[in-house]
Amino acid sequence: MEKYIAIVSSSGGAVTKYQDFGSKSEADAHVETHGGFVVDKPDSERIDYWVVDADKKTLTYDQSTADSDDAAIAAVAYKAVRRAAYPDVRDQLDALWKGGDVEAQMKVIVDKVKSDNPKP
């Protein structure tokens, strides 16, 4: 398990180059050769949410933004699941054209897809 990382370069608060290390001494040796600074490795592997302050030589994890992005993804994820579960649109139109029991059966199928995959 790698516990330390050497931040070799960053830009705009984002990590652009880093290396994992099991020991602080290994990370320090790397920094001596390649530059940068050593920090404890964040618990999350989601590098997109690592925020670097090169002046203070710190690395933080932006949990708030990660949670917000996860919520935004979850808010629309049901759409893809529904899209795959719905009967073919041609079959739906055919049922509407025929009407009666065929249309009622199609409505049951479509309603089940919606109830099985509700909007958040």
N, C-alpha and C. Protein backbone atom coordinates (compact mmCIF):
# COMPACT_ATOMS: atom_id res chain seq x y z
N MET A 1 0.84 -1.19 0.00
CA MET A 1 0.00 0.00 0.00
C MET A 1 0.89 1.25 0.00
N GLU A 2 0.69 2.07 -0.98
CA GLU A 2 1.48 3.31 -1.09
C GLU A 2 0.86 4.36 -0.17
N LYS A 3 1.70 4.93 0.69
CA LYS A 3 1.21 5.89 1.68
C LYS A 3 1.56 7.33 1.35
N TYR A 4 2.55 7.53 0.48
CA TYR A 4 3.03 8.87 0.18
C TYR A 4 3.05 9.10 -1.32
N ILE A 5 2.92 10.35 -1.69
CA ILE A 5 3.10 10.69 -3.09
C ILE A 5 4.02 11.90 -3.20
N ALA A 6 4.79 11.88 -4.24
CA ALA A 6 5.64 13.03 -4.57
C ALA A 6 4.91 13.78 -5.67
N ILE A 7 4.50 14.99 -5.37
CA ILE A 7 3.88 15.85 -6.38
C ILE A 7 5.02 16.49 -7.15
N VAL A 8 5.21 16.07 -8.37
CA VAL A 8 6.32 16.56 -9.18
C VAL A 8 5.92 17.84 -9.91
N SER A 9 4.69 17.90 -10.39
CA SER A 9 4.23 19.13 -11.04
C SER A 9 2.71 19.26 -10.89
N SER A 10 2.28 20.52 -10.95
CA SER A 10 0.85 20.82 -10.87
C SER A 10 0.59 22.09 -11.67
N SER A 11 -0.67 22.26 -12.01
CA SER A 11 -1.06 23.45 -12.76
C SER A 11 -2.49 23.81 -12.39
N GLY A 12 -2.69 25.05 -12.01
CA GLY A 12 -4.03 25.50 -11.68
C GLY A 12 -4.67 24.74 -10.54
N GLY A 13 -3.88 24.26 -9.60
CA GLY A 13 -4.40 23.52 -8.47
C GLY A 13 -4.62 22.05 -8.73
N ALA A 14 -4.31 21.59 -9.95
CA ALA A 14 -4.49 20.18 -10.31
C ALA A 14 -3.13 19.49 -10.43
N VAL A 15 -3.10 18.24 -10.01
CA VAL A 15 -1.88 17.44 -10.13
C VAL A 15 -1.68 17.09 -11.60
N THR A 16 -0.49 17.35 -12.12
CA THR A 16 -0.19 16.98 -13.51
C THR A 16 0.82 15.85 -13.58
N LYS A 17 1.63 15.68 -12.50
CA LYS A 17 2.59 14.58 -12.48
C LYS A 17 2.91 14.24 -11.03
N TYR A 18 2.79 12.94 -10.71
CA TYR A 18 3.10 12.49 -9.36
C TYR A 18 3.58 11.05 -9.40
N GLN A 19 4.13 10.61 -8.26
CA GLN A 19 4.60 9.23 -8.14
C GLN A 19 4.24 8.73 -6.75
N ASP A 20 3.73 7.49 -6.67
CA ASP A 20 3.39 6.85 -5.39
C ASP A 20 4.63 6.22 -4.76
N PHE A 21 4.66 6.23 -3.43
CA PHE A 21 5.76 5.59 -2.70
C PHE A 21 5.24 4.93 -1.43
N GLY A 22 5.89 3.84 -1.04
CA GLY A 22 5.52 3.14 0.18
C GLY A 22 6.11 3.78 1.42
N SER A 23 7.23 4.47 1.27
CA SER A 23 7.86 5.11 2.43
C SER A 23 8.15 6.57 2.13
N LYS A 24 8.19 7.35 3.20
CA LYS A 24 8.46 8.78 3.04
C LYS A 24 9.89 9.00 2.55
N SER A 25 10.82 8.16 3.00
CA SER A 25 12.21 8.33 2.58
C SER A 25 12.37 8.12 1.07
N GLU A 26 11.65 7.16 0.51
CA GLU A 26 11.69 6.95 -0.95
C GLU A 26 11.12 8.17 -1.68
N ALA A 27 10.02 8.69 -1.16
CA ALA A 27 9.40 9.86 -1.78
C ALA A 27 10.32 11.07 -1.68
N ASP A 28 10.94 11.25 -0.52
CA ASP A 28 11.88 12.37 -0.35
C ASP A 28 13.07 12.26 -1.32
N ALA A 29 13.58 11.05 -1.50
CA ALA A 29 14.70 10.85 -2.44
C ALA A 29 14.27 11.19 -3.87
N HIS A 30 13.06 10.84 -4.22
CA HIS A 30 12.56 11.15 -5.55
C HIS A 30 12.47 12.67 -5.75
N VAL A 31 11.96 13.35 -4.74
CA VAL A 31 11.81 14.81 -4.81
C VAL A 31 13.18 15.49 -4.93
N GLU A 32 14.17 14.96 -4.24
CA GLU A 32 15.52 15.53 -4.34
C GLU A 32 16.04 15.48 -5.77
N THR A 33 15.69 14.41 -6.48
CA THR A 33 16.16 14.25 -7.85
C THR A 33 15.28 15.00 -8.86
N HIS A 34 13.96 14.91 -8.68
CA HIS A 34 13.04 15.42 -9.70
C HIS A 34 12.30 16.69 -9.30
N GLY A 35 12.45 17.13 -8.07
CA GLY A 35 11.74 18.32 -7.61
C GLY A 35 10.35 17.99 -7.11
N GLY A 36 9.67 19.01 -6.62
CA GLY A 36 8.33 18.83 -6.10
C GLY A 36 8.32 18.77 -4.59
N PHE A 37 7.30 18.09 -4.05
CA PHE A 37 7.18 17.95 -2.60
C PHE A 37 6.42 16.67 -2.28
N VAL A 38 6.54 16.23 -1.03
CA VAL A 38 5.94 14.97 -0.60
C VAL A 38 4.76 15.25 0.31
N VAL A 39 3.69 14.48 0.10
CA VAL A 39 2.51 14.57 0.97
C VAL A 39 1.98 13.16 1.24
N ASP A 40 1.17 13.05 2.29
CA ASP A 40 0.47 11.80 2.53
C ASP A 40 -0.52 11.59 1.38
N LYS A 41 -0.65 10.36 0.95
CA LYS A 41 -1.56 10.06 -0.15
C LYS A 41 -3.01 10.17 0.34
N PRO A 42 -3.87 10.87 -0.38
CA PRO A 42 -5.27 10.96 0.02
C PRO A 42 -5.93 9.57 0.01
N ASP A 43 -6.99 9.44 0.80
CA ASP A 43 -7.71 8.17 0.87
C ASP A 43 -8.37 7.83 -0.46
N SER A 44 -8.74 8.82 -1.22
CA SER A 44 -9.43 8.58 -2.48
C SER A 44 -8.46 8.55 -3.65
N GLU A 45 -8.70 7.62 -4.56
CA GLU A 45 -7.89 7.52 -5.79
C GLU A 45 -8.40 8.46 -6.88
N ARG A 46 -9.44 9.21 -6.60
CA ARG A 46 -10.06 10.08 -7.61
C ARG A 46 -9.24 11.36 -7.76
N ILE A 47 -8.22 11.26 -8.58
CA ILE A 47 -7.24 12.34 -8.74
C ILE A 47 -7.87 13.64 -9.24
N ASP A 48 -8.99 13.55 -9.93
CA ASP A 48 -9.65 14.76 -10.43
C ASP A 48 -10.07 15.69 -9.30
N TYR A 49 -10.18 15.15 -8.10
CA TYR A 49 -10.63 15.96 -6.96
C TYR A 49 -9.50 16.27 -5.98
N TRP A 50 -8.27 15.96 -6.35
CA TRP A 50 -7.12 16.35 -5.54
C TRP A 50 -6.83 17.82 -5.86
N VAL A 51 -6.64 18.62 -4.83
CA VAL A 51 -6.36 20.04 -5.01
C VAL A 51 -4.98 20.35 -4.41
N VAL A 52 -4.12 20.87 -5.25
CA VAL A 52 -2.73 21.16 -4.85
C VAL A 52 -2.58 22.65 -4.56
N ASP A 53 -1.90 22.94 -3.47
CA ASP A 53 -1.42 24.29 -3.19
C ASP A 53 0.10 24.17 -3.15
N ALA A 54 0.73 24.44 -4.28
CA ALA A 54 2.18 24.26 -4.40
C ALA A 54 2.95 25.19 -3.47
N ASP A 55 2.41 26.39 -3.22
CA ASP A 55 3.10 27.33 -2.33
C ASP A 55 3.15 26.80 -0.90
N LYS A 56 2.04 26.23 -0.45
CA LYS A 56 1.98 25.68 0.91
C LYS A 56 2.42 24.22 0.97
N LYS A 57 2.64 23.64 -0.22
CA LYS A 57 3.03 22.23 -0.35
C LYS A 57 2.01 21.31 0.33
N THR A 58 0.75 21.53 -0.07
CA THR A 58 -0.33 20.71 0.49
C THR A 58 -1.15 20.09 -0.63
N LEU A 59 -1.80 19.00 -0.28
CA LEU A 59 -2.71 18.32 -1.19
C LEU A 59 -3.95 17.97 -0.39
N THR A 60 -5.10 18.41 -0.86
CA THR A 60 -6.37 18.11 -0.19
C THR A 60 -7.30 17.43 -1.16
N TYR A 61 -8.31 16.79 -0.61
CA TYR A 61 -9.32 16.13 -1.44
C TYR A 61 -10.59 16.96 -1.35
N ASP A 62 -11.12 17.37 -2.50
CA ASP A 62 -12.32 18.21 -2.55
C ASP A 62 -13.56 17.33 -2.51
N GLN A 63 -13.94 16.91 -1.31
CA GLN A 63 -15.08 16.00 -1.12
C GLN A 63 -16.39 16.64 -1.58
N SER A 64 -16.55 17.93 -1.33
CA SER A 64 -17.78 18.63 -1.68
C SER A 64 -18.04 18.58 -3.20
N THR A 65 -17.02 18.87 -3.98
CA THR A 65 -17.17 18.83 -5.44
C THR A 65 -17.39 17.40 -5.92
N ALA A 66 -16.69 16.45 -5.33
CA ALA A 66 -16.87 15.04 -5.71
C ALA A 66 -18.30 14.60 -5.44
N ASP A 67 -18.83 14.95 -4.27
CA ASP A 67 -20.21 14.60 -3.92
C ASP A 67 -21.21 15.26 -4.86
N SER A 68 -20.96 16.52 -5.17
CA SER A 68 -21.85 17.25 -6.08
C SER A 68 -21.85 16.62 -7.48
N ASP A 69 -20.67 16.27 -7.97
CA ASP A 69 -20.57 15.63 -9.28
C ASP A 69 -21.25 14.26 -9.28
N ASP A 70 -21.07 13.50 -8.20
CA ASP A 70 -21.71 12.19 -8.09
C ASP A 70 -23.23 12.33 -8.10
N ALA A 71 -23.74 13.34 -7.39
CA ALA A 71 -25.19 13.57 -7.35
C ALA A 71 -25.72 13.95 -8.73
N ALA A 72 -24.97 14.77 -9.46
CA ALA A 72 -25.39 15.17 -10.80
C ALA A 72 -25.45 13.97 -11.75
N ILE A 73 -24.48 13.08 -11.61
CA ILE A 73 -24.47 11.87 -12.45
C ILE A 73 -25.64 10.96 -12.09
N ALA A 74 -25.86 10.78 -10.79
CA ALA A 74 -26.97 9.92 -10.34
C ALA A 74 -28.32 10.49 -10.75
N ALA A 75 -28.41 11.82 -10.82
CA ALA A 75 -29.68 12.46 -11.17
C ALA A 75 -30.14 12.14 -12.59
N VAL A 76 -29.22 11.78 -13.46
CA VAL A 76 -29.61 11.48 -14.84
C VAL A 76 -29.35 10.03 -15.23
N ALA A 77 -28.80 9.24 -14.31
CA ALA A 77 -28.45 7.85 -14.62
C ALA A 77 -29.69 7.01 -14.96
N TYR A 78 -30.81 7.34 -14.33
CA TYR A 78 -32.03 6.58 -14.58
C TYR A 78 -32.44 6.64 -16.05
N LYS A 79 -32.09 7.70 -16.74
CA LYS A 79 -32.49 7.87 -18.14
C LYS A 79 -31.93 6.76 -19.03
N ALA A 80 -30.67 6.44 -18.86
CA ALA A 80 -30.05 5.39 -19.67
C ALA A 80 -30.66 4.02 -19.35
N VAL A 81 -30.93 3.79 -18.08
CA VAL A 81 -31.53 2.51 -17.68
C VAL A 81 -32.93 2.38 -18.27
N ARG A 82 -33.70 3.45 -18.18
CA ARG A 82 -35.05 3.43 -18.76
C ARG A 82 -34.99 3.23 -20.28
N ARG A 83 -34.09 3.96 -20.92
CA ARG A 83 -33.98 3.89 -22.38
C ARG A 83 -33.75 2.44 -22.83
N ALA A 84 -32.89 1.73 -22.12
CA ALA A 84 -32.58 0.34 -22.47
C ALA A 84 -33.75 -0.59 -22.17
N ALA A 85 -34.56 -0.25 -21.17
CA ALA A 85 -35.64 -1.14 -20.73
C ALA A 85 -36.95 -0.93 -21.50
N TYR A 86 -37.15 0.23 -22.07
CA TYR A 86 -38.40 0.48 -22.81
C TYR A 86 -38.50 -0.43 -24.03
N PRO A 87 -39.72 -0.82 -24.39
CA PRO A 87 -39.91 -1.54 -25.65
C PRO A 87 -39.51 -0.64 -26.82
N ASP A 88 -39.18 -1.25 -27.92
CA ASP A 88 -38.83 -0.50 -29.13
C ASP A 88 -39.93 0.51 -29.46
N VAL A 89 -39.52 1.70 -29.85
CA VAL A 89 -40.48 2.77 -30.13
C VAL A 89 -41.46 2.37 -31.24
N ARG A 90 -41.00 1.54 -32.18
CA ARG A 90 -41.92 1.09 -33.25
C ARG A 90 -43.03 0.23 -32.68
N ASP A 91 -42.68 -0.59 -31.69
CA ASP A 91 -43.71 -1.41 -31.04
C ASP A 91 -44.67 -0.54 -30.24
N GLN A 92 -44.14 0.49 -29.61
CA GLN A 92 -45.01 1.40 -28.85
C GLN A 92 -45.98 2.12 -29.78
N LEU A 93 -45.47 2.59 -30.91
CA LEU A 93 -46.34 3.28 -31.87
C LEU A 93 -47.38 2.33 -32.46
N ASP A 94 -46.96 1.09 -32.71
CA ASP A 94 -47.89 0.09 -33.23
C ASP A 94 -49.02 -0.15 -32.23
N ALA A 95 -48.68 -0.22 -30.95
CA ALA A 95 -49.69 -0.44 -29.91
C ALA A 95 -50.65 0.74 -29.84
N LEU A 96 -50.11 1.95 -29.98
CA LEU A 96 -50.99 3.13 -29.98
C LEU A 96 -51.93 3.11 -31.18
N TRP A 97 -51.42 2.70 -32.32
CA TRP A 97 -52.22 2.64 -33.55
C TRP A 97 -53.35 1.62 -33.41
N LYS A 98 -53.01 0.46 -32.86
CA LYS A 98 -54.00 -0.60 -32.72
C LYS A 98 -55.03 -0.27 -31.65
N GLY A 99 -54.58 0.40 -30.59
CA GLY A 99 -55.48 0.80 -29.52
C GLY A 99 -56.00 -0.39 -28.71
N GLY A 100 -57.02 -0.15 -27.94
CA GLY A 100 -57.67 -1.21 -27.17
C GLY A 100 -56.74 -1.92 -26.21
N ASP A 101 -56.88 -3.28 -26.20
CA ASP A 101 -56.10 -4.10 -25.27
C ASP A 101 -54.60 -4.02 -25.53
N VAL A 102 -54.21 -3.92 -26.80
CA VAL A 102 -52.77 -3.85 -27.13
C VAL A 102 -52.17 -2.57 -26.55
N GLU A 103 -52.89 -1.48 -26.70
CA GLU A 103 -52.41 -0.21 -26.14
C GLU A 103 -52.35 -0.28 -24.61
N ALA A 104 -53.35 -0.89 -24.00
CA ALA A 104 -53.38 -1.02 -22.54
C ALA A 104 -52.22 -1.88 -22.04
N GLN A 105 -51.91 -2.96 -22.77
CA GLN A 105 -50.79 -3.82 -22.39
C GLN A 105 -49.46 -3.07 -22.49
N MET A 106 -49.32 -2.26 -23.53
CA MET A 106 -48.09 -1.48 -23.69
C MET A 106 -47.97 -0.45 -22.57
N LYS A 107 -49.08 0.15 -22.18
CA LYS A 107 -49.04 1.12 -21.09
C LYS A 107 -48.57 0.46 -19.79
N VAL A 108 -49.00 -0.77 -19.55
CA VAL A 108 -48.57 -1.51 -18.36
C VAL A 108 -47.05 -1.72 -18.40
N ILE A 109 -46.54 -2.09 -19.57
CA ILE A 109 -45.09 -2.33 -19.72
C ILE A 109 -44.31 -1.04 -19.48
N VAL A 110 -44.74 0.04 -20.10
CA VAL A 110 -44.05 1.32 -19.97
C VAL A 110 -44.13 1.83 -18.53
N ASP A 111 -45.30 1.70 -17.91
CA ASP A 111 -45.45 2.14 -16.52
C ASP A 111 -44.54 1.34 -15.58
N LYS A 112 -44.36 0.05 -15.86
CA LYS A 112 -43.48 -0.79 -15.03
C LYS A 112 -42.03 -0.32 -15.16
N VAL A 113 -41.61 0.00 -16.37
CA VAL A 113 -40.25 0.51 -16.57
C VAL A 113 -40.06 1.79 -15.75
N LYS A 114 -41.06 2.66 -15.78
CA LYS A 114 -40.96 3.90 -15.02
C LYS A 114 -40.95 3.66 -13.51
N SER A 115 -41.78 2.75 -13.03
CA SER A 115 -41.82 2.49 -11.59
C SER A 115 -40.57 1.75 -11.10
N ASP A 116 -39.99 0.89 -11.95
CA ASP A 116 -38.77 0.17 -11.60
C ASP A 116 -37.54 1.08 -11.61
N ASN A 117 -37.63 2.16 -12.37
CA ASN A 117 -36.50 3.09 -12.52
C ASN A 117 -36.98 4.52 -12.32
N PRO A 118 -37.34 4.87 -11.07
CA PRO A 118 -37.93 6.20 -10.82
C PRO A 118 -36.90 7.33 -10.98
N LYS A 119 -37.44 8.51 -11.23
CA LYS A 119 -36.58 9.70 -11.23
C LYS A 119 -36.13 9.94 -9.80
N PRO A 120 -34.90 10.39 -9.61
CA PRO A 120 -34.42 10.65 -8.23
C PRO A 120 -35.15 11.82 -7.60
